[in-house]
Structures are given as C-alpha cells and as structure tokens.
Amino acid sequence: APIHAQARALGERVVLAGFAAEADLPALYSGALCLVFPSLYEGFGLPVLEGMACGVPVLTSNVSSLPEVAGDAALMVDPHS
C-alpha cells in the first residue's frame, strides 16, 4: 500500500503499530510524539479520545464524526489533500 511505502521512507520517525492489546495502548500513546488519525469513515473515533486522554497531540480528519468527537482539542485536516 502507498502509505506503507511512505512510512518506510521516513525511517524510524513514523511507526505503523498495527494491532495492539488494549493493555498496551496507554504506553503506546504516551510514548508517541503525536497521534495521526486520518480516517475517512468513522463511527465514533475512539483512538482520538484515547490519545487525548494520554496527553498526546492529535491530528485527525475533518470528516465523519471526528470533528464532533475532537472538538477544538485536535488539529483537523482534509484527508483527501
């Protein structure tokens, strides 16, 4: 997938974590520089709230339910640009 090639090109600066056990999430979020969540279709956006609860800056999409979930506490971007 193109996103994986782009992430590999950035080396260790980007980590695509994949599946993580729920018990490991606080440590993963807390150890991150930021959470990037560019979802196109989201029913609720729980990762956005989890990141915020761990004190991580969040960058997320300005579509679907995410603006309502994140409010003014996240940086919103157009996921199509």
C-alpha atoms as a PDB file:
ATOM      1  CA  ALA A   1       0.000   0.000   0.000  1.00  0.00           C
ATOM      2  CA  PRO A   2       1.265   3.532  -0.731  1.00  0.00           C
ATOM      3  CA  ILE A   3       1.020   4.641   2.912  1.00  0.00           C
ATOM      4  CA  HIS A   4       3.363   1.849   3.975  1.00  0.00           C
ATOM      5  CA  ALA A   5       5.942   2.872   1.358  1.00  0.00           C
ATOM      6  CA  GLN A   6       5.739   6.493   2.514  1.00  0.00           C
ATOM      7  CA  ALA A   7       6.153   5.450   6.158  1.00  0.00           C
ATOM      8  CA  ARG A   8       9.171   3.278   5.307  1.00  0.00           C
ATOM      9  CA  ALA A   9      10.748   6.245   3.503  1.00  0.00           C
ATOM     10  CA  LEU A  10      10.563   8.219   6.774  1.00  0.00           C
ATOM     11  CA  GLY A  11      12.517   5.557   8.640  1.00  0.00           C
ATOM     12  CA  GLU A  12      12.086   5.439  12.403  1.00  0.00           C
ATOM     13  CA  ARG A  13      10.191   8.749  12.530  1.00  0.00           C
ATOM     14  CA  VAL A  14       6.879   7.008  11.736  1.00  0.00           C
ATOM     15  CA  VAL A  15       5.617   3.827  13.374  1.00  0.00           C
ATOM     16  CA  LEU A  16       2.626   1.964  11.966  1.00  0.00           C
ATOM     17  CA  ALA A  17       1.861  -0.006  15.104  1.00  0.00           C
ATOM     18  CA  GLY A  18      -0.847  -2.294  13.747  1.00  0.00           C
ATOM     19  CA  PHE A  19      -2.822  -4.291  16.308  1.00  0.00           C
ATOM     20  CA  ALA A  20      -2.038  -3.634  19.945  1.00  0.00           C
ATOM     21  CA  ALA A  21      -3.566  -5.203  23.021  1.00  0.00           C
ATOM     22  CA  GLU A  22      -5.804  -2.836  24.973  1.00  0.00           C
ATOM     23  CA  ALA A  23      -3.500  -3.064  27.995  1.00  0.00           C
ATOM     24  CA  ASP A  24      -0.597  -1.750  25.864  1.00  0.00           C
ATOM     25  CA  LEU A  25      -2.422   1.298  24.473  1.00  0.00           C
ATOM     26  CA  PRO A  26      -1.646   3.815  27.252  1.00  0.00           C
ATOM     27  CA  ALA A  27       2.095   3.155  26.929  1.00  0.00           C
ATOM     28  CA  LEU A  28       1.971   3.389  23.131  1.00  0.00           C
ATOM     29  CA  TYR A  29       0.012   6.648  23.156  1.00  0.00           C
ATOM     30  CA  SER A  30       2.094   8.176  25.936  1.00  0.00           C
ATOM     31  CA  GLY A  31       5.321   7.338  24.120  1.00  0.00           C
ATOM     32  CA  ALA A  32       4.178   8.951  20.871  1.00  0.00           C
ATOM     33  CA  LEU A  33       5.114  12.416  19.691  1.00  0.00           C
ATOM     34  CA  CYS A  34       1.592  12.710  18.252  1.00  0.00           C
ATOM     35  CA  LEU A  35      -1.343  10.625  17.037  1.00  0.00           C
ATOM     36  CA  VAL A  36      -2.191  10.894  13.347  1.00  0.00           C
ATOM     37  CA  PHE A  37      -5.670   9.505  12.634  1.00  0.00           C
ATOM     38  CA  PRO A  38      -6.679  10.418   9.041  1.00  0.00           C
ATOM     39  CA  SER A  39      -9.819   8.283   8.895  1.00  0.00           C
ATOM     40  CA  LEU A  40     -12.336   8.773   6.083  1.00  0.00           C
ATOM     41  CA  TYR A  41     -15.282   6.953   7.690  1.00  0.00           C
ATOM     42  CA  GLU A  42     -15.509   6.774  11.444  1.00  0.00           C
ATOM     43  CA  GLY A  43     -18.470   5.817  13.593  1.00  0.00           C
ATOM     44  CA  PHE A  44     -17.052   7.369  16.734  1.00  0.00           C
ATOM     45  CA  GLY A  45     -13.274   7.871  16.728  1.00  0.00           C
ATOM     46  CA  LEU A  46     -12.222   6.235  19.980  1.00  0.00           C
ATOM     47  CA  PRO A  47      -8.463   6.426  19.164  1.00  0.00           C
ATOM     48  CA  VAL A  48      -8.765  10.228  19.104  1.00  0.00           C
ATOM     49  CA  LEU A  49     -10.164  10.250  22.645  1.00  0.00           C
ATOM     50  CA  GLU A  50      -7.633   7.665  23.826  1.00  0.00           C
ATOM     51  CA  GLY A  51      -4.754   9.768  22.511  1.00  0.00           C
ATOM     52  CA  MET A  52      -6.140  12.899  24.143  1.00  0.00           C
ATOM     53  CA  ALA A  53      -6.615  11.058  27.443  1.00  0.00           C
ATOM     54  CA  CYS A  54      -2.904  10.146  27.337  1.00  0.00           C
ATOM     55  CA  GLY A  55      -1.890  13.747  26.682  1.00  0.00           C
ATOM     56  CA  VAL A  56      -0.802  13.208  23.076  1.00  0.00           C
ATOM     57  CA  PRO A  57      -1.409  15.927  20.447  1.00  0.00           C
ATOM     58  CA  VAL A  58      -3.899  14.637  17.872  1.00  0.00           C
ATOM     59  CA  LEU A  59      -4.120  15.286  14.143  1.00  0.00           C
ATOM     60  CA  THR A  60      -7.308  13.884  12.641  1.00  0.00           C
ATOM     61  CA  SER A  61      -9.713  14.190   9.712  1.00  0.00           C
ATOM     62  CA  ASN A  62     -12.268  16.947   9.417  1.00  0.00           C
ATOM     63  CA  VAL A  63     -14.887  14.471   8.161  1.00  0.00           C
ATOM     64  CA  SER A  64     -17.374  11.999   9.597  1.00  0.00           C
ATOM     65  CA  SER A  65     -17.833  12.096  13.394  1.00  0.00           C
ATOM     66  CA  LEU A  66     -14.271  13.206  14.130  1.00  0.00           C
ATOM     67  CA  PRO A  67     -14.816  16.994  14.348  1.00  0.00           C
ATOM     68  CA  GLU A  68     -17.596  16.414  16.875  1.00  0.00           C
ATOM     69  CA  VAL A  69     -15.509  13.930  18.880  1.00  0.00           C
ATOM     70  CA  ALA A  70     -12.322  16.019  18.912  1.00  0.00           C
ATOM     71  CA  GLY A  71     -13.857  19.473  19.129  1.00  0.00           C
ATOM     72  CA  ASP A  72     -11.197  22.167  19.441  1.00  0.00           C
ATOM     73  CA  ALA A  73      -8.688  19.791  21.051  1.00  0.00           C
ATOM     74  CA  ALA A  74      -7.234  18.387  17.802  1.00  0.00           C
ATOM     75  CA  LEU A  75      -5.746  19.690  14.594  1.00  0.00           C
ATOM     76  CA  MET A  76      -8.197  18.918  11.778  1.00  0.00           C
ATOM     77  CA  VAL A  77      -7.075  18.197   8.220  1.00  0.00           C
ATOM     78  CA  ASP A  78      -8.735  17.306   4.938  1.00  0.00           C
ATOM     79  CA  PRO A  79      -7.934  13.592   4.481  1.00  0.00           C
ATOM     80  CA  HIS A  80      -8.219  13.964   0.703  1.00  0.00           C
ATOM     81  CA  SER A  81      -5.407  16.501   0.395  1.00  0.00           C
END
